[in-house]
């Protein structure tokens, strides 16, 4: 862990680092969080151990890296504590404060953070150069890629600090997806979605056969209206609907367990799409055939006169209206 680990990885490099509204007052002794010498030493040793694993350093290289870090970073931290500690603690305070800071506070914080950021970046560059010298060619290739990614990250963060120092802010930097308010809103949405999902899962699935019979009823009423059937014909039509509907319901009762399982999305383990399609055909195919019979038997009820009248009415309704006499072309 380098000073970037203290300054950036603790929080300064976070995408939504929000400084608190009130500037910190530096007093002696300095208040707030500051790692002990042992904490800093352990962090640096752990960083060296992680780097040794990642780049497959031998014992000599590992020892050289550890010595390099311990010689440079504690000195940097001690010399810059007066500027560095308030910046870190203002960041930590912002993580506790439920409200985002004022823009002026962000600008003030960025002005204090930028000099530390620039010094830390300079030191990181020097250490990277020294570290690169002790690596073998095959190790250096991997390290170079890591260094470029880290440099890109620091470039972007430096650009953000510079914008903040100029007083340039974007609303989503404070209320974006990773902001506290954004997280709270996402949590509320997640709870609402979970409640709606639970409600949907607990609700009974749509009974497709009963839904189909409802469509039969609409078809029947449209048929009676279209052909203007007399009372005798209407009784016959409703009798046909009753008979075929009872046959459909009997099929439904015989296969109720299979229909419920299918509507709840439950399939036989390992069933193929073809097998599922065959099961759908088995369960709902007879209902389709009964509706076909329903149409045929109803179609025998109207007289020729009723058919002619219905066809004429349909033709008149579908024909375009003639333009009024004298209308301009």
Protein backbone atom coordinates (compact mmCIF):
# COMPACT_ATOMS: atom_id res chain seq x y z
CA UNK A 1 0.00 0.00 0.00
CA UNK A 2 1.52 3.31 -1.02
CA UNK A 3 0.51 6.82 -0.04
CA UNK A 4 -2.04 6.39 -2.77
CA UNK A 5 -3.33 3.66 -0.50
CA UNK A 6 -3.74 6.18 2.29
CA UNK A 7 -4.85 9.12 0.17
CA UNK A 8 -6.65 7.43 -2.70
CA UNK A 9 -7.60 3.86 -1.87
CA UNK A 10 -9.03 4.80 1.53
CA UNK A 11 -11.34 7.16 -0.23
CA UNK A 12 -9.81 9.97 -2.21
CA UNK A 13 -9.91 7.83 -5.35
CA UNK A 14 -13.49 6.71 -4.90
CA UNK A 15 -15.80 7.68 -7.77
CA UNK A 16 -18.16 9.63 -5.50
CA UNK A 17 -15.78 11.06 -2.91
CA UNK A 18 -17.86 13.72 -1.19
CA UNK A 19 -16.07 16.17 1.13
CA UNK A 20 -18.09 17.47 4.08
CA UNK A 21 -19.76 20.84 4.03
CA UNK A 22 -17.54 22.46 6.63
CA UNK A 23 -13.78 22.84 6.09
CA UNK A 24 -11.60 21.18 8.69
CA UNK A 25 -9.58 23.42 11.00
CA UNK A 26 -6.03 22.18 11.50
CA UNK A 27 -5.11 22.39 15.14
CA UNK A 28 -2.36 20.93 17.26
CA UNK A 29 -2.56 18.13 17.99
CA UNK A 30 -4.23 17.05 14.77
CA UNK A 31 -7.54 15.30 15.33
CA UNK A 32 -9.08 12.41 13.48
CA UNK A 33 -7.80 9.25 11.87
CA UNK A 34 -4.12 8.71 11.20
CA UNK A 35 -2.43 5.32 10.88
CA UNK A 36 0.16 4.41 13.47
CA UNK A 37 3.71 3.75 12.32
CA UNK A 38 3.09 0.03 12.70
CA UNK A 39 -0.14 0.20 10.71
CA UNK A 40 1.65 2.00 7.88
CA UNK A 41 4.51 -0.50 7.99
CA UNK A 42 2.13 -3.48 7.87
CA UNK A 43 0.20 -1.97 4.95
CA UNK A 44 3.38 -1.40 2.97
CA UNK A 45 4.65 -4.91 3.69
CA UNK A 46 1.35 -6.38 2.60
CA UNK A 47 1.46 -4.35 -0.61
CA UNK A 48 4.98 -5.64 -1.26
CA UNK A 49 3.85 -9.23 -0.60
CA UNK A 50 0.89 -8.85 -2.99
CA UNK A 51 3.20 -7.40 -5.67
CA UNK A 52 5.63 -10.27 -5.13
CA UNK A 53 2.86 -12.80 -5.74
CA UNK A 54 1.45 -10.99 -8.75
CA UNK A 55 4.80 -10.52 -10.48
CA UNK A 56 6.44 -13.70 -9.19
CA UNK A 57 9.31 -11.87 -7.53
CA UNK A 58 12.18 -13.85 -6.10
CA UNK A 59 13.29 -13.26 -2.50
CA UNK A 60 15.89 -10.66 -3.48
CA UNK A 61 13.39 -8.66 -5.55
CA UNK A 62 10.75 -8.89 -2.82
CA UNK A 63 13.19 -7.62 -0.19
CA UNK A 64 14.30 -4.77 -2.48
CA UNK A 65 10.71 -3.68 -3.10
CA UNK A 66 9.84 -3.78 0.59
CA UNK A 67 12.93 -1.74 1.49
CA UNK A 68 12.12 0.75 -1.24
CA UNK A 69 8.57 1.30 0.03
CA UNK A 70 9.51 1.53 3.69
CA UNK A 71 12.21 4.06 2.91
CA UNK A 72 10.02 6.42 0.90
CA UNK A 73 6.37 6.32 1.97
CA UNK A 74 6.61 6.74 5.77
CA UNK A 75 8.85 9.74 5.17
CA UNK A 76 6.34 11.18 2.69
CA UNK A 77 3.46 10.67 5.11
CA UNK A 78 5.30 12.23 8.02
CA UNK A 79 6.40 15.28 6.03
CA UNK A 80 2.91 15.85 4.61
CA UNK A 81 0.79 14.87 7.59
CA UNK A 82 -0.34 18.43 8.29
CA UNK A 83 -1.86 18.68 4.80
CA UNK A 84 -2.75 15.02 4.27
CA UNK A 85 -4.59 14.19 7.49
CA UNK A 86 -7.30 16.90 7.20
CA UNK A 87 -7.98 15.86 3.60
CA UNK A 88 -8.38 12.22 4.60
CA UNK A 89 -10.57 13.03 7.58
CA UNK A 90 -12.79 15.37 5.62
CA UNK A 91 -13.35 12.52 3.23
CA UNK A 92 -14.15 10.12 6.07
CA UNK A 93 -16.55 12.67 7.55
CA UNK A 94 -18.31 12.87 4.21
CA UNK A 95 -18.92 9.12 4.31
CA UNK A 96 -20.74 9.53 7.64
CA UNK A 97 -22.70 12.70 6.83
CA UNK A 98 -26.12 11.70 5.42
CA UNK A 99 -26.31 14.93 3.38
CA UNK A 100 -24.11 15.84 0.40
CA UNK A 101 -21.80 18.84 0.82
CA UNK A 102 -22.21 22.32 -0.61
CA UNK A 103 -20.36 23.06 -3.84
CA UNK A 104 -18.13 25.58 -2.12
CA UNK A 105 -16.97 22.93 0.34
CA UNK A 106 -16.15 20.56 -2.52
CA UNK A 107 -14.13 23.26 -4.25
CA UNK A 108 -12.25 24.05 -1.04
CA UNK A 109 -11.55 20.37 -0.43
CA UNK A 110 -10.24 19.87 -3.96
CA UNK A 111 -7.88 22.83 -3.55
CA UNK A 112 -6.38 21.17 -0.48
CA UNK A 113 -6.29 17.69 -2.05
CA UNK A 114 -4.66 18.61 -5.37
CA UNK A 115 -1.17 19.45 -4.05
CA UNK A 116 -1.08 16.18 -2.07
CA UNK A 117 -2.32 14.28 -5.10
CA UNK A 118 0.39 15.78 -7.30
CA UNK A 119 3.17 15.00 -4.81
CA UNK A 120 1.89 11.45 -4.32
CA UNK A 121 1.73 10.90 -8.06
CA UNK A 122 5.29 12.13 -8.48
CA UNK A 123 6.49 9.73 -5.81
CA UNK A 124 4.57 6.84 -7.35
CA UNK A 125 6.22 7.56 -10.70
CA UNK A 126 9.67 7.53 -9.11
CA UNK A 127 8.96 4.27 -7.28
CA UNK A 128 7.56 2.66 -10.42
CA UNK A 129 10.75 3.56 -12.27
CA UNK A 130 12.89 2.09 -9.49
CA UNK A 131 10.75 -1.02 -9.28
CA UNK A 132 10.94 -1.55 -13.02
CA UNK A 133 14.73 -1.67 -12.85
CA UNK A 134 14.75 -4.74 -10.60
CA UNK A 135 12.33 -6.74 -12.76
CA UNK A 136 13.21 -9.34 -15.35
CA UNK A 137 11.89 -8.71 -18.89
CA UNK A 138 8.99 -11.15 -18.55
CA UNK A 139 8.01 -9.55 -15.23
CA UNK A 140 8.32 -6.03 -16.56
CA UNK A 141 5.81 -6.64 -19.36
CA UNK A 142 3.05 -7.44 -16.87
CA UNK A 143 4.07 -4.63 -14.53
CA UNK A 144 4.05 -2.14 -17.40
CA UNK A 145 0.42 -3.00 -18.17
CA UNK A 146 -0.53 -2.52 -14.51
CA UNK A 147 1.32 0.78 -14.37
CA UNK A 148 -0.50 2.06 -17.46
CA UNK A 149 -3.90 1.18 -15.99
CA UNK A 150 -2.99 2.88 -12.71
CA UNK A 151 -1.78 5.93 -14.62
CA UNK A 152 -5.06 6.11 -16.51
CA UNK A 153 -7.03 5.94 -13.28
CA UNK A 154 -4.93 8.70 -11.73
CA UNK A 155 -5.29 10.85 -14.84
CA UNK A 156 -9.07 10.65 -14.59
CA UNK A 157 -9.05 11.36 -10.88
CA UNK A 158 -6.68 14.30 -11.34
CA UNK A 159 -8.97 15.74 -13.99
CA UNK A 160 -11.90 15.47 -11.59
CA UNK A 161 -9.99 17.23 -8.82
CA UNK A 162 -8.99 19.99 -11.23
CA UNK A 163 -12.62 20.50 -12.28
CA UNK A 164 -13.76 20.62 -8.68
CA UNK A 165 -11.04 23.14 -7.86
CA UNK A 166 -12.37 25.36 -10.65
CA UNK A 167 -15.86 25.09 -9.19
CA UNK A 168 -17.15 22.90 -12.02
CA UNK A 169 -19.55 20.25 -10.78
CA UNK A 170 -22.04 17.85 -12.23
CA UNK A 171 -25.13 16.90 -10.26
CA UNK A 172 -24.66 13.18 -10.85
CA UNK A 173 -21.26 13.34 -9.15
CA UNK A 174 -23.15 13.87 -5.90
CA UNK A 175 -26.41 12.01 -6.54
CA UNK A 176 -25.22 9.33 -8.96
CA UNK A 177 -25.72 5.57 -8.67
CA UNK A 178 -22.94 5.23 -6.13
CA UNK A 179 -23.94 8.19 -3.98
CA UNK A 180 -25.59 7.59 -0.63
CA UNK A 181 -28.89 9.02 -1.82
CA UNK A 182 -28.64 6.95 -4.98
CA UNK A 183 -28.01 3.82 -2.95
CA UNK A 184 -30.96 4.56 -0.69
CA UNK A 185 -33.23 5.07 -3.69
CA UNK A 186 -31.98 1.83 -5.32
CA UNK A 187 -32.60 -0.01 -2.06
CA UNK A 188 -36.15 1.32 -1.97
CA UNK A 189 -36.67 0.27 -5.58
CA UNK A 190 -35.24 -3.17 -4.85
CA UNK A 191 -37.65 -3.60 -1.93
CA UNK A 192 -40.58 -2.50 -4.08
CA UNK A 193 -39.55 -4.90 -6.85
CA UNK A 194 -39.15 -7.74 -4.36
CA UNK A 195 -42.61 -7.05 -2.91
CA UNK A 196 -44.18 -6.96 -6.37
CA UNK A 197 -42.40 -10.18 -7.36
CA UNK A 198 -43.54 -11.91 -4.17
CA UNK A 199 -47.11 -10.75 -4.82
CA UNK A 200 -46.97 -11.97 -8.41
CA UNK A 201 -45.53 -15.32 -7.37
CA UNK A 202 -48.19 -15.81 -4.70
CA UNK A 203 -51.03 -14.91 -7.09
CA UNK A 204 -52.84 -17.66 -8.91
CA UNK A 205 -51.73 -18.00 -12.55
CA UNK A 206 -54.20 -17.12 -15.30
CA UNK A 207 -56.51 -20.04 -16.11
CA UNK A 208 -56.07 -20.15 -19.88
CA UNK A 209 -59.10 -22.35 -20.54
CA UNK A 210 -61.47 -20.14 -18.56
CA UNK A 211 -59.95 -17.13 -20.35
CA UNK A 212 -60.63 -18.88 -23.66
CA UNK A 213 -64.26 -19.53 -22.74
CA UNK A 214 -64.67 -15.83 -21.96
CA UNK A 215 -63.54 -15.15 -25.54
CA UNK A 216 -66.18 -17.65 -26.74
CA UNK A 217 -68.83 -15.59 -24.99
CA UNK A 218 -67.67 -12.39 -26.72
CA UNK A 219 -67.64 -14.21 -30.06
CA UNK A 220 -71.20 -15.44 -29.45
CA UNK A 221 -72.55 -11.98 -28.60
CA UNK A 222 -70.89 -10.48 -31.69
CA UNK A 223 -72.39 -13.29 -33.80
CA UNK A 224 -75.92 -12.71 -32.46
CA UNK A 225 -75.63 -9.00 -33.13
CA UNK A 226 -74.16 -9.37 -36.61
CA UNK A 227 -76.86 -11.74 -37.94
CA UNK A 228 -79.74 -10.32 -35.87
CA UNK A 229 -80.84 -13.82 -34.85
CA UNK A 230 -84.39 -14.29 -33.63
CA UNK A 231 -85.22 -15.71 -30.21
CA UNK A 232 -85.36 -19.34 -31.37
CA UNK A 233 -81.97 -19.00 -33.03
CA UNK A 234 -80.55 -17.29 -29.94
CA UNK A 235 -81.67 -20.15 -27.70
CA UNK A 236 -80.04 -22.65 -30.06
CA UNK A 237 -76.81 -20.63 -30.16
CA UNK A 238 -76.62 -20.43 -26.38
CA UNK A 239 -77.32 -24.14 -26.11
CA UNK A 240 -74.38 -24.86 -28.41
CA UNK A 241 -72.17 -22.64 -26.27
CA UNK A 242 -73.31 -24.42 -23.11
CA UNK A 243 -72.70 -27.91 -24.50
CA UNK A 244 -69.24 -27.22 -25.89
CA UNK A 245 -68.28 -25.16 -22.84
CA UNK A 246 -69.11 -28.09 -20.57
CA UNK A 247 -66.92 -30.35 -22.70
CA UNK A 248 -64.07 -27.84 -22.43
CA UNK A 249 -64.46 -27.64 -18.65
CA UNK A 250 -64.50 -31.43 -18.36
CA UNK A 251 -61.17 -31.54 -20.22
CA UNK A 252 -59.89 -28.85 -17.88
CA UNK A 253 -60.84 -30.87 -14.79
CA UNK A 254 -59.18 -34.02 -16.13
CA UNK A 255 -55.88 -32.20 -16.71
CA UNK A 256 -56.00 -29.59 -13.92
CA UNK A 257 -52.74 -30.63 -12.21
CA UNK A 258 -50.81 -30.57 -15.49
CA UNK A 259 -52.32 -27.21 -16.50
CA UNK A 260 -51.49 -25.58 -13.16
CA UNK A 261 -47.91 -26.88 -13.31
CA UNK A 262 -47.51 -25.59 -16.85
CA UNK A 263 -48.96 -22.15 -16.05
CA UNK A 264 -46.63 -21.83 -13.05
CA UNK A 265 -43.68 -22.41 -15.35
CA UNK A 266 -42.92 -25.84 -13.91
CA UNK A 267 -41.49 -28.26 -16.45
CA UNK A 268 -40.43 -31.86 -16.26
CA UNK A 269 -36.67 -31.84 -15.52
CA UNK A 270 -34.72 -32.35 -18.72
CA UNK A 271 -37.75 -31.79 -20.97
CA UNK A 272 -36.87 -30.51 -24.45
CA UNK A 273 -38.63 -27.64 -26.22
CA UNK A 274 -40.28 -30.17 -28.51
CA UNK A 275 -41.63 -32.10 -25.53
CA UNK A 276 -42.97 -28.92 -23.96
CA UNK A 277 -44.66 -27.97 -27.26
CA UNK A 278 -46.23 -31.43 -27.43
CA UNK A 279 -47.56 -31.04 -23.89
CA UNK A 280 -49.06 -27.65 -24.78
CA UNK A 281 -50.76 -29.20 -27.78
CA UNK A 282 -52.11 -32.02 -25.63
CA UNK A 283 -53.52 -29.65 -23.00
CA UNK A 284 -54.91 -26.85 -25.18
CA UNK A 285 -55.36 -28.51 -28.60
CA UNK A 286 -58.78 -30.00 -27.69
CA UNK A 287 -60.03 -26.54 -26.66
CA UNK A 288 -59.01 -25.15 -30.05
CA UNK A 289 -60.87 -27.98 -31.80
CA UNK A 290 -63.97 -27.37 -29.69
CA UNK A 291 -63.95 -23.70 -30.70
CA UNK A 292 -63.72 -24.75 -34.35
CA UNK A 293 -66.84 -26.89 -33.82
CA UNK A 294 -68.48 -23.95 -32.05
CA UNK A 295 -67.91 -21.71 -35.11
CA UNK A 296 -69.23 -24.34 -37.54
CA UNK A 297 -72.41 -25.04 -35.60
CA UNK A 298 -73.19 -21.38 -35.10
CA UNK A 299 -72.61 -20.74 -38.78
CA UNK A 300 -75.56 -23.06 -39.65
CA UNK A 301 -78.09 -20.95 -37.73
CA UNK A 302 -78.53 -17.75 -39.84
CA UNK A 303 -80.98 -17.81 -42.78
CA UNK A 304 -79.97 -16.72 -46.28
CA UNK A 305 -81.80 -13.45 -45.76
CA UNK A 306 -79.94 -12.80 -42.49
CA UNK A 307 -76.63 -13.56 -44.19
CA UNK A 308 -77.40 -11.23 -47.09
CA UNK A 309 -78.38 -8.46 -44.70
CA UNK A 310 -75.23 -8.94 -42.61
CA UNK A 311 -73.04 -8.96 -45.73
CA UNK A 312 -74.68 -5.79 -47.04
CA UNK A 313 -74.21 -4.04 -43.71
CA UNK A 314 -70.61 -5.13 -43.58
CA UNK A 315 -70.00 -3.92 -47.14
CA UNK A 316 -71.59 -0.55 -46.42
CA UNK A 317 -69.53 -0.09 -43.28
CA UNK A 318 -66.25 -0.98 -44.96
CA UNK A 319 -66.82 1.09 -48.15
CA UNK A 320 -65.12 4.53 -48.24
CA UNK A 321 -67.44 7.51 -48.09
CA UNK A 322 -68.01 9.36 -51.35
CA UNK A 323 -66.63 12.87 -51.55
CA UNK A 324 -69.34 15.60 -51.30
CA UNK A 325 -70.64 16.98 -54.60
CA UNK A 326 -68.51 19.87 -55.81
CA UNK A 327 -65.54 18.99 -53.62
CA UNK A 328 -62.28 20.14 -55.13
CA UNK A 329 -59.93 17.46 -56.36
